[in-house]
Amino acid sequence: MSDGADSFVFQYLAPFVGVLLIAVGIAGAVPGGYALIEPDLENCGNPTIGVEGPEETAERFGENEPGPQLPQLTFEELSPAEQTAFLTAVDDPVGEEQVVGDVPNADSFRRGSIVSYEGEQYYVTLVAENTCFAAAPLQFPLGVFAIALGFLGVLAPPLYRRLVRLEQRAGRSE
């Protein structure tokens, strides 16, 4: 019928390996699955700009011109997506807004720049890049496969006991 080595493998080793596979599978499937759905979320790939009002800008740089080290842009030079985000950030109490769309002035915003709007100067900077999470293409399916294989390992002892009982019954009926 079965000896002690078979019993040890199916009773203890298979469930232990199964639990390890489930843990590794979860660790692979969760980030892999998130990487699959993240591009559908609005936050992914859209940088966030911060806009300081004219008073804060004057306080930061004094009454002098900010100098040649800061790029100076007019509101009309901004892309439509940047203009929308700029206007929303000016009205926002925190002064931040995501730029959803084309951001041709990202390098200027990254270093900090002065944007002239309606005769006032606003300090605009990039406060968050909001990059997309990257995962290997096979990370999610391999994680799901590891979880399924792990469940088979965990279920091995009850299945093994059932097979032993069936074998015993078949032996008795002969």
N, C-alpha and C. Protein backbone atom coordinates (compact mmCIF):
# COMPACT_ATOMS: atom_id res chain seq x y z
N MET A 1 0.84 -1.18 0.00
CA MET A 1 0.00 0.00 0.00
C MET A 1 0.88 1.24 0.00
N SER A 2 1.12 1.90 1.13
CA SER A 2 1.96 3.09 1.18
C SER A 2 2.93 2.96 2.33
N ASP A 3 4.11 3.49 2.11
CA ASP A 3 5.10 3.43 3.19
C ASP A 3 5.23 4.80 3.85
N GLY A 4 6.11 4.91 4.84
CA GLY A 4 6.26 6.15 5.63
C GLY A 4 6.80 7.30 4.83
N ALA A 5 7.66 7.04 3.81
CA ALA A 5 8.23 8.12 3.01
C ALA A 5 7.15 8.79 2.18
N ASP A 6 6.27 7.99 1.58
CA ASP A 6 5.17 8.57 0.82
C ASP A 6 4.27 9.40 1.72
N SER A 7 4.01 8.88 2.89
CA SER A 7 3.14 9.58 3.84
C SER A 7 3.76 10.92 4.24
N PHE A 8 5.05 10.94 4.50
CA PHE A 8 5.72 12.19 4.89
C PHE A 8 5.63 13.22 3.76
N VAL A 9 5.88 12.78 2.53
CA VAL A 9 5.85 13.70 1.39
C VAL A 9 4.46 14.29 1.21
N PHE A 10 3.44 13.44 1.24
CA PHE A 10 2.09 13.94 0.99
C PHE A 10 1.46 14.61 2.20
N GLN A 11 1.89 14.26 3.40
CA GLN A 11 1.29 14.84 4.60
C GLN A 11 1.94 16.16 5.00
N TYR A 12 3.25 16.30 4.80
CA TYR A 12 3.94 17.48 5.33
C TYR A 12 4.65 18.30 4.26
N LEU A 13 5.39 17.64 3.39
CA LEU A 13 6.21 18.38 2.43
C LEU A 13 5.35 19.06 1.35
N ALA A 14 4.38 18.38 0.80
CA ALA A 14 3.54 18.96 -0.26
C ALA A 14 2.77 20.20 0.24
N PRO A 15 2.15 20.15 1.43
CA PRO A 15 1.46 21.37 1.89
C PRO A 15 2.42 22.53 2.17
N PHE A 16 3.61 22.19 2.69
CA PHE A 16 4.59 23.25 2.97
C PHE A 16 5.02 23.93 1.67
N VAL A 17 5.35 23.13 0.66
CA VAL A 17 5.73 23.70 -0.64
C VAL A 17 4.53 24.43 -1.24
N GLY A 18 3.33 23.92 -1.06
CA GLY A 18 2.14 24.59 -1.55
C GLY A 18 1.95 25.97 -0.95
N VAL A 19 2.14 26.08 0.36
CA VAL A 19 2.00 27.38 1.02
C VAL A 19 3.08 28.34 0.52
N LEU A 20 4.29 27.85 0.32
CA LEU A 20 5.35 28.70 -0.22
C LEU A 20 5.00 29.18 -1.63
N LEU A 21 4.46 28.29 -2.45
CA LEU A 21 4.05 28.69 -3.80
C LEU A 21 2.92 29.71 -3.78
N ILE A 22 1.98 29.55 -2.87
CA ILE A 22 0.90 30.53 -2.75
C ILE A 22 1.47 31.90 -2.37
N ALA A 23 2.40 31.92 -1.42
CA ALA A 23 2.99 33.19 -0.99
C ALA A 23 3.75 33.85 -2.14
N VAL A 24 4.54 33.09 -2.85
CA VAL A 24 5.30 33.64 -3.98
C VAL A 24 4.34 34.08 -5.08
N GLY A 25 3.29 33.29 -5.30
CA GLY A 25 2.31 33.65 -6.32
C GLY A 25 1.59 34.95 -6.01
N ILE A 26 1.23 35.14 -4.75
CA ILE A 26 0.58 36.40 -4.35
C ILE A 26 1.54 37.57 -4.54
N ALA A 27 2.80 37.34 -4.16
CA ALA A 27 3.80 38.41 -4.30
C ALA A 27 4.03 38.77 -5.77
N GLY A 28 3.79 37.85 -6.68
CA GLY A 28 3.94 38.16 -8.09
C GLY A 28 2.66 38.63 -8.75
N ALA A 29 1.55 38.05 -8.36
CA ALA A 29 0.28 38.36 -9.03
C ALA A 29 -0.26 39.74 -8.66
N VAL A 30 -0.10 40.14 -7.42
CA VAL A 30 -0.68 41.43 -7.00
C VAL A 30 -0.01 42.60 -7.74
N PRO A 31 1.34 42.74 -7.71
CA PRO A 31 1.91 43.86 -8.47
C PRO A 31 1.74 43.69 -9.98
N GLY A 32 1.79 42.45 -10.46
CA GLY A 32 1.58 42.22 -11.89
C GLY A 32 0.19 42.62 -12.33
N GLY A 33 -0.81 42.30 -11.51
CA GLY A 33 -2.18 42.69 -11.82
C GLY A 33 -2.38 44.19 -11.74
N TYR A 34 -1.74 44.83 -10.76
CA TYR A 34 -1.84 46.28 -10.63
C TYR A 34 -1.23 46.98 -11.85
N ALA A 35 -0.11 46.43 -12.33
CA ALA A 35 0.54 47.02 -13.50
C ALA A 35 -0.35 46.91 -14.74
N LEU A 36 -1.20 45.88 -14.77
CA LEU A 36 -2.11 45.73 -15.91
C LEU A 36 -3.22 46.77 -15.91
N ILE A 37 -3.75 47.09 -14.74
CA ILE A 37 -4.90 48.00 -14.68
C ILE A 37 -4.50 49.46 -14.44
N GLU A 38 -3.28 49.72 -14.01
CA GLU A 38 -2.89 51.09 -13.67
C GLU A 38 -3.00 52.07 -14.83
N PRO A 39 -2.66 51.70 -16.07
CA PRO A 39 -2.82 52.69 -17.15
C PRO A 39 -4.25 53.17 -17.33
N ASP A 40 -5.24 52.39 -16.88
CA ASP A 40 -6.63 52.82 -16.98
C ASP A 40 -7.00 53.83 -15.90
N LEU A 41 -6.18 53.93 -14.87
CA LEU A 41 -6.43 54.91 -13.82
C LEU A 41 -5.91 56.27 -14.30
N GLU A 42 -6.52 57.34 -13.86
CA GLU A 42 -6.15 58.66 -14.35
C GLU A 42 -4.83 59.17 -13.80
N ASN A 43 -4.36 58.64 -12.70
CA ASN A 43 -3.16 59.16 -12.07
C ASN A 43 -1.89 58.77 -12.81
N CYS A 44 -1.91 57.68 -13.52
CA CYS A 44 -0.71 57.12 -14.14
C CYS A 44 -0.23 57.97 -15.31
N GLY A 45 1.00 58.46 -15.22
CA GLY A 45 1.62 59.18 -16.32
C GLY A 45 1.27 60.65 -16.40
N ASN A 46 0.43 61.15 -15.53
CA ASN A 46 0.05 62.56 -15.55
C ASN A 46 0.79 63.30 -14.45
N PRO A 47 1.72 64.19 -14.80
CA PRO A 47 2.44 64.92 -13.76
C PRO A 47 1.54 65.92 -13.04
N THR A 48 1.91 66.27 -11.85
CA THR A 48 1.18 67.25 -11.05
C THR A 48 2.02 68.51 -10.93
N ILE A 49 1.42 69.65 -11.22
CA ILE A 49 2.14 70.92 -11.08
C ILE A 49 1.66 71.64 -9.82
N GLY A 50 2.55 72.41 -9.25
CA GLY A 50 2.21 73.27 -8.13
C GLY A 50 2.35 74.72 -8.57
N VAL A 51 1.38 75.55 -8.23
CA VAL A 51 1.39 76.96 -8.64
C VAL A 51 1.32 77.82 -7.39
N GLU A 52 2.27 78.71 -7.26
CA GLU A 52 2.25 79.69 -6.17
C GLU A 52 1.70 80.99 -6.72
N GLY A 53 0.85 81.63 -5.94
CA GLY A 53 0.23 82.87 -6.36
C GLY A 53 1.24 84.01 -6.48
N PRO A 54 0.79 85.16 -6.98
CA PRO A 54 1.69 86.30 -7.17
C PRO A 54 2.34 86.78 -5.87
N GLU A 55 1.58 86.73 -4.75
CA GLU A 55 2.15 87.18 -3.48
C GLU A 55 3.28 86.26 -3.02
N GLU A 56 3.03 84.92 -3.09
CA GLU A 56 4.06 83.97 -2.68
C GLU A 56 5.27 84.03 -3.61
N THR A 57 5.02 84.26 -4.90
CA THR A 57 6.12 84.36 -5.86
C THR A 57 6.97 85.58 -5.57
N ALA A 58 6.33 86.71 -5.29
CA ALA A 58 7.08 87.92 -4.96
C ALA A 58 7.85 87.74 -3.66
N GLU A 59 7.24 87.05 -2.70
CA GLU A 59 7.92 86.79 -1.43
C GLU A 59 9.12 85.86 -1.63
N ARG A 60 8.96 84.87 -2.48
CA ARG A 60 10.04 83.90 -2.72
C ARG A 60 11.24 84.56 -3.41
N PHE A 61 10.98 85.41 -4.42
CA PHE A 61 12.06 85.97 -5.21
C PHE A 61 12.32 87.44 -4.91
N GLY A 62 11.56 88.02 -4.02
CA GLY A 62 11.70 89.44 -3.75
C GLY A 62 11.05 90.23 -4.87
N GLU A 63 11.20 91.50 -4.83
CA GLU A 63 10.61 92.34 -5.87
C GLU A 63 11.46 92.34 -7.13
N ASN A 64 12.66 91.77 -7.06
CA ASN A 64 13.54 91.72 -8.23
C ASN A 64 13.03 90.69 -9.23
N GLU A 65 13.55 90.78 -10.41
CA GLU A 65 13.26 89.76 -11.42
C GLU A 65 13.88 88.45 -10.96
N PRO A 66 13.25 87.32 -11.23
CA PRO A 66 13.77 86.02 -10.79
C PRO A 66 15.14 85.69 -11.37
N GLY A 67 15.56 86.36 -12.41
CA GLY A 67 16.89 86.12 -12.96
C GLY A 67 16.85 85.17 -14.14
N PRO A 68 17.97 85.07 -14.82
CA PRO A 68 18.01 84.27 -16.04
C PRO A 68 17.98 82.76 -15.79
N GLN A 69 18.21 82.32 -14.55
CA GLN A 69 18.25 80.89 -14.29
C GLN A 69 16.86 80.24 -14.32
N LEU A 70 15.80 81.00 -14.17
CA LEU A 70 14.45 80.43 -14.22
C LEU A 70 13.82 80.71 -15.59
N PRO A 71 13.27 79.67 -16.20
CA PRO A 71 12.55 79.90 -17.46
C PRO A 71 11.32 80.77 -17.22
N GLN A 72 11.07 81.67 -18.13
CA GLN A 72 9.89 82.52 -18.02
C GLN A 72 8.99 82.25 -19.22
N LEU A 73 7.74 81.94 -18.91
CA LEU A 73 6.75 81.60 -19.94
C LEU A 73 5.54 82.51 -19.78
N THR A 74 4.84 82.69 -20.88
CA THR A 74 3.56 83.36 -20.79
C THR A 74 2.47 82.28 -20.79
N PHE A 75 1.30 82.64 -20.33
CA PHE A 75 0.19 81.69 -20.27
C PHE A 75 -0.12 81.15 -21.67
N GLU A 76 0.01 81.96 -22.69
CA GLU A 76 -0.31 81.55 -24.05
C GLU A 76 0.69 80.52 -24.57
N GLU A 77 1.90 80.46 -24.02
CA GLU A 77 2.91 79.49 -24.46
C GLU A 77 2.64 78.09 -23.90
N LEU A 78 1.76 77.98 -22.93
CA LEU A 78 1.44 76.68 -22.36
C LEU A 78 0.51 75.90 -23.28
N SER A 79 0.61 74.59 -23.22
CA SER A 79 -0.30 73.74 -24.01
C SER A 79 -1.70 73.84 -23.40
N PRO A 80 -2.74 73.44 -24.13
CA PRO A 80 -4.09 73.50 -23.56
C PRO A 80 -4.22 72.70 -22.25
N ALA A 81 -3.58 71.54 -22.17
CA ALA A 81 -3.65 70.75 -20.93
C ALA A 81 -2.94 71.48 -19.79
N GLU A 82 -1.81 72.11 -20.10
CA GLU A 82 -1.09 72.88 -19.07
C GLU A 82 -1.89 74.10 -18.65
N GLN A 83 -2.55 74.75 -19.59
CA GLN A 83 -3.37 75.92 -19.25
C GLN A 83 -4.52 75.53 -18.33
N THR A 84 -5.18 74.42 -18.64
CA THR A 84 -6.29 73.96 -17.81
C THR A 84 -5.81 73.64 -16.40
N ALA A 85 -4.69 72.91 -16.31
CA ALA A 85 -4.14 72.55 -14.99
C ALA A 85 -3.69 73.80 -14.24
N PHE A 86 -3.09 74.76 -14.95
CA PHE A 86 -2.64 76.00 -14.32
C PHE A 86 -3.82 76.76 -13.71
N LEU A 87 -4.88 76.94 -14.49
CA LEU A 87 -6.05 77.68 -13.99
C LEU A 87 -6.71 76.97 -12.82
N THR A 88 -6.78 75.65 -12.89
CA THR A 88 -7.37 74.88 -11.78
C THR A 88 -6.51 74.99 -10.54
N ALA A 89 -5.19 74.94 -10.71
CA ALA A 89 -4.28 75.04 -9.57
C ALA A 89 -4.31 76.43 -8.94
N VAL A 90 -4.51 77.46 -9.75
CA VAL A 90 -4.59 78.83 -9.21
C VAL A 90 -5.81 78.94 -8.30
N ASP A 91 -6.92 78.30 -8.67
CA ASP A 91 -8.13 78.35 -7.86
C ASP A 91 -8.15 77.34 -6.72
N ASP A 92 -7.24 76.35 -6.77
CA ASP A 92 -7.19 75.30 -5.76
C ASP A 92 -6.55 75.83 -4.47
N PRO A 93 -7.10 75.52 -3.28
CA PRO A 93 -6.51 76.00 -2.04
C PRO A 93 -5.08 75.48 -1.82
N VAL A 94 -4.79 74.28 -2.28
CA VAL A 94 -3.44 73.73 -2.13
C VAL A 94 -2.53 74.23 -3.23
N GLY A 95 -3.09 74.57 -4.39
CA GLY A 95 -2.30 75.09 -5.50
C GLY A 95 -1.68 74.01 -6.36
N GLU A 96 -2.29 72.83 -6.39
CA GLU A 96 -1.75 71.72 -7.19
C GLU A 96 -2.84 71.15 -8.08
N GLU A 97 -2.41 70.63 -9.25
CA GLU A 97 -3.34 69.99 -10.17
C GLU A 97 -2.56 69.11 -11.13
N GLN A 98 -3.19 68.01 -11.52
CA GLN A 98 -2.59 67.12 -12.50
C GLN A 98 -2.76 67.69 -13.90
N VAL A 99 -1.73 67.50 -14.72
CA VAL A 99 -1.80 67.90 -16.11
C VAL A 99 -2.18 66.66 -16.91
N VAL A 100 -3.42 66.61 -17.37
CA VAL A 100 -3.90 65.45 -18.13
C VAL A 100 -3.80 65.81 -19.60
N GLY A 101 -2.77 65.29 -20.25
CA GLY A 101 -2.56 65.58 -21.66
C GLY A 101 -1.10 65.88 -21.93
N ASP A 102 -0.85 66.62 -22.99
CA ASP A 102 0.50 66.93 -23.45
C ASP A 102 1.16 67.94 -22.52
N VAL A 103 2.42 67.67 -22.14
CA VAL A 103 3.16 68.56 -21.23
C VAL A 103 4.50 68.92 -21.89
N PRO A 104 4.50 69.80 -22.89
CA PRO A 104 5.76 70.14 -23.56
C PRO A 104 6.71 70.95 -22.67
N ASN A 105 6.21 71.61 -21.65
CA ASN A 105 7.05 72.42 -20.77
C ASN A 105 7.46 71.68 -19.50
N ALA A 106 7.44 70.35 -19.52
CA ALA A 106 7.75 69.57 -18.32
C ALA A 106 9.15 69.87 -17.80
N ASP A 107 10.12 70.03 -18.70
CA ASP A 107 11.49 70.32 -18.24
C ASP A 107 11.56 71.67 -17.54
N SER A 108 10.85 72.65 -18.08
CA SER A 108 10.83 73.98 -17.44
C SER A 108 10.16 73.90 -16.07
N PHE A 109 9.06 73.16 -15.99
CA PHE A 109 8.35 73.03 -14.71
C PHE A 109 9.19 72.24 -13.71
N ARG A 110 9.95 71.28 -14.20
CA ARG A 110 10.77 70.46 -13.31
C ARG A 110 11.81 71.32 -12.59
N ARG A 111 12.37 72.28 -13.30
CA ARG A 111 13.37 73.19 -12.70
C ARG A 111 12.70 74.34 -11.96
N GLY A 112 11.43 74.55 -12.24
CA GLY A 112 10.70 75.70 -11.68
C GLY A 112 10.71 76.81 -12.72
N SER A 113 9.58 77.42 -12.94
CA SER A 113 9.51 78.49 -13.93
C SER A 113 8.50 79.55 -13.49
N ILE A 114 8.60 80.69 -14.13
CA ILE A 114 7.68 81.79 -13.88
C ILE A 114 6.72 81.87 -15.06
N VAL A 115 5.42 81.84 -14.75
CA VAL A 115 4.40 81.96 -15.79
C VAL A 115 3.69 83.29 -15.58
N SER A 116 3.66 84.10 -16.64
CA SER A 116 2.96 85.39 -16.59
C SER A 116 1.52 85.17 -17.05
N TYR A 117 0.59 85.60 -16.18
CA TYR A 117 -0.83 85.44 -16.49
C TYR A 117 -1.58 86.66 -15.98
N GLU A 118 -2.25 87.35 -16.88
CA GLU A 118 -3.03 88.55 -16.57
C GLU A 118 -2.21 89.57 -15.79
N GLY A 119 -0.99 89.80 -16.24
CA GLY A 119 -0.13 90.82 -15.63
C GLY A 119 0.53 90.40 -14.32
N GLU A 120 0.29 89.21 -13.86
CA GLU A 120 0.87 88.71 -12.61
C GLU A 120 1.86 87.59 -12.93
N GLN A 121 2.80 87.38 -12.00
CA GLN A 121 3.77 86.30 -12.17
C GLN A 121 3.48 85.20 -11.16
N TYR A 122 3.47 83.97 -11.64
CA TYR A 122 3.20 82.79 -10.82
C TYR A 122 4.39 81.85 -10.93
N TYR A 123 4.82 81.33 -9.80
CA TYR A 123 5.89 80.34 -9.79
C TYR A 123 5.25 78.96 -9.97
N VAL A 124 5.67 78.23 -10.99
CA VAL A 124 5.11 76.92 -11.32
C VAL A 124 6.22 75.89 -11.28
N THR A 125 5.96 74.80 -10.59
CA THR A 125 6.94 73.72 -10.52
C THR A 125 6.23 72.37 -10.59
N LEU A 126 6.97 71.37 -10.99
CA LEU A 126 6.45 70.01 -11.04
C LEU A 126 6.60 69.41 -9.65
N VAL A 127 5.50 69.03 -9.03
CA VAL A 127 5.55 68.48 -7.67
C VAL A 127 5.51 66.97 -7.63
N ALA A 128 5.01 66.32 -8.70
CA ALA A 128 4.97 64.86 -8.74
C ALA A 128 4.98 64.39 -10.18
N GLU A 129 5.81 63.40 -10.47
CA GLU A 129 5.89 62.85 -11.82
C GLU A 129 4.74 61.88 -12.10
N ASN A 130 4.29 61.14 -11.07
CA ASN A 130 3.21 60.15 -11.21
C ASN A 130 3.50 59.14 -12.32
N THR A 131 4.67 58.53 -12.24
CA THR A 131 5.04 57.54 -13.25
C THR A 131 4.23 56.26 -13.06
N CYS A 132 4.14 55.48 -14.13
CA CYS A 132 3.40 54.22 -14.09
C CYS A 132 4.28 53.13 -13.49
N PHE A 133 3.66 52.22 -12.77
CA PHE A 133 4.35 51.08 -12.18
C PHE A 133 4.71 50.11 -13.30
N ALA A 134 5.92 49.61 -13.29
CA ALA A 134 6.37 48.68 -14.33
C ALA A 134 6.51 47.28 -13.73
N ALA A 135 6.03 46.30 -14.45
CA ALA A 135 6.17 44.90 -14.04
C ALA A 135 6.44 44.07 -15.28
N ALA A 136 7.09 42.94 -15.07
CA ALA A 136 7.36 42.03 -16.18
C ALA A 136 6.04 41.54 -16.78
N PRO A 137 5.97 41.35 -18.09
CA PRO A 137 4.70 40.95 -18.71
C PRO A 137 4.16 39.61 -18.20
N LEU A 138 5.04 38.69 -17.83
CA LEU A 138 4.57 37.38 -17.37
C LEU A 138 4.39 37.31 -15.85
N GLN A 139 4.60 38.40 -15.16
CA GLN A 139 4.52 38.37 -13.70
C GLN A 139 3.13 37.99 -13.20
N PHE A 140 2.10 38.55 -13.78
CA PHE A 140 0.74 38.23 -13.34
C PHE A 140 0.35 36.79 -13.65
N PRO A 141 0.50 36.33 -14.91
CA PRO A 141 0.08 34.95 -15.17
C PRO A 141 0.91 33.92 -14.41
N LEU A 142 2.20 34.16 -14.24
CA LEU A 142 3.02 33.22 -13.47
C LEU A 142 2.62 33.22 -12.00
N GLY A 143 2.25 34.38 -11.48
CA GLY A 143 1.78 34.45 -10.10
C GLY A 143 0.49 33.67 -9.90
N VAL A 144 -0.43 33.81 -10.83
CA VAL A 144 -1.69 33.06 -10.74
C VAL A 144 -1.43 31.56 -10.86
N PHE A 145 -0.52 31.16 -11.75
CA PHE A 145 -0.18 29.75 -11.89
C PHE A 145 0.44 29.21 -10.60
N ALA A 146 1.32 30.00 -9.97
CA ALA A 146 1.94 29.56 -8.72
C ALA A 146 0.90 29.41 -7.62
N ILE A 147 -0.07 30.29 -7.57
CA ILE A 147 -1.14 30.19 -6.57
C ILE A 147 -1.95 28.91 -6.80
N ALA A 148 -2.31 28.64 -8.04
CA ALA A 148 -3.08 27.43 -8.35
C ALA A 148 -2.28 26.17 -8.02
N LEU A 149 -1.01 26.16 -8.37
CA LEU A 149 -0.17 25.00 -8.06
C LEU A 149 0.00 24.85 -6.54
N GLY A 150 0.09 25.96 -5.84
CA GLY A 150 0.19 25.93 -4.39
C GLY A 150 -1.05 25.34 -3.74
N PHE A 151 -2.22 25.70 -4.28
CA PHE A 151 -3.46 25.13 -3.74
C PHE A 151 -3.50 23.61 -3.94
N LEU A 152 -2.98 23.16 -5.06
CA LEU A 152 -2.91 21.71 -5.26
C LEU A 152 -1.99 21.06 -4.23
N GLY A 153 -0.89 21.72 -3.89
CA GLY A 153 0.00 21.20 -2.86
C GLY A 153 -0.65 21.16 -1.49
N VAL A 154 -1.41 22.19 -1.18
CA VAL A 154 -2.10 22.24 0.12
C VAL A 154 -3.20 21.18 0.17
N LEU A 155 -3.84 20.94 -0.95
CA LEU A 155 -4.91 19.94 -0.99
C LEU A 155 -4.40 18.51 -1.17
N ALA A 156 -3.09 18.34 -1.30
CA ALA A 156 -2.53 17.00 -1.51
C ALA A 156 -2.84 16.04 -0.35
N PRO A 157 -2.70 16.42 0.93
CA PRO A 157 -2.98 15.45 2.00
C PRO A 157 -4.40 14.90 1.99
N PRO A 158 -5.45 15.75 1.89
CA PRO A 158 -6.78 15.15 1.86
C PRO A 158 -7.00 14.27 0.62
N LEU A 159 -6.46 14.69 -0.50
CA LEU A 159 -6.59 13.87 -1.70
C LEU A 159 -5.84 12.55 -1.54
N TYR A 160 -4.67 12.62 -0.94
CA TYR A 160 -3.87 11.41 -0.70
C TYR A 160 -4.62 10.46 0.23
N ARG A 161 -5.19 10.98 1.31
CA ARG A 161 -5.94 10.14 2.25
C ARG A 161 -7.15 9.50 1.56
N ARG A 162 -7.81 10.23 0.71
CA ARG A 162 -8.96 9.69 0.00
C ARG A 162 -8.52 8.56 -0.94
N LEU A 163 -7.40 8.76 -1.63
CA LEU A 163 -6.89 7.70 -2.51
C LEU A 163 -6.50 6.46 -1.72
N VAL A 164 -5.89 6.65 -0.54
CA VAL A 164 -5.50 5.51 0.29
C VAL A 164 -6.76 4.76 0.73
N ARG A 165 -7.81 5.48 1.14
CA ARG A 165 -9.05 4.82 1.54
C ARG A 165 -9.68 4.05 0.39
N LEU A 166 -9.67 4.64 -0.79
CA LEU A 166 -10.20 3.94 -1.96
C LEU A 166 -9.40 2.67 -2.25
N GLU A 167 -8.08 2.78 -2.08
CA GLU A 167 -7.22 1.61 -2.31
C GLU A 167 -7.51 0.53 -1.27
N GLN A 168 -7.71 0.95 -0.04
CA GLN A 168 -8.02 -0.03 1.03
C GLN A 168 -9.36 -0.70 0.76
N ARG A 169 -10.34 0.06 0.36
CA ARG A 169 -11.65 -0.51 0.06
C ARG A 169 -11.58 -1.48 -1.11
N ALA A 170 -10.81 -1.10 -2.11
CA ALA A 170 -10.68 -1.98 -3.27
C ALA A 170 -9.96 -3.28 -2.89
N GLY A 171 -9.01 -3.19 -1.96
CA GLY A 171 -8.29 -4.36 -1.50
C GLY A 171 -9.19 -5.28 -0.68
N ARG A 172 -10.12 -4.73 0.08
CA ARG A 172 -11.02 -5.52 0.92
C ARG A 172 -12.10 -6.22 0.10
N SER A 173 -12.50 -5.56 -0.97
CA SER A 173 -13.60 -6.12 -1.75
C SER A 173 -13.16 -7.28 -2.63
N GLU A 174 -11.88 -7.49 -2.82
CA GLU A 174 -11.40 -8.59 -3.66
C GLU A 174 -11.43 -9.89 -2.96
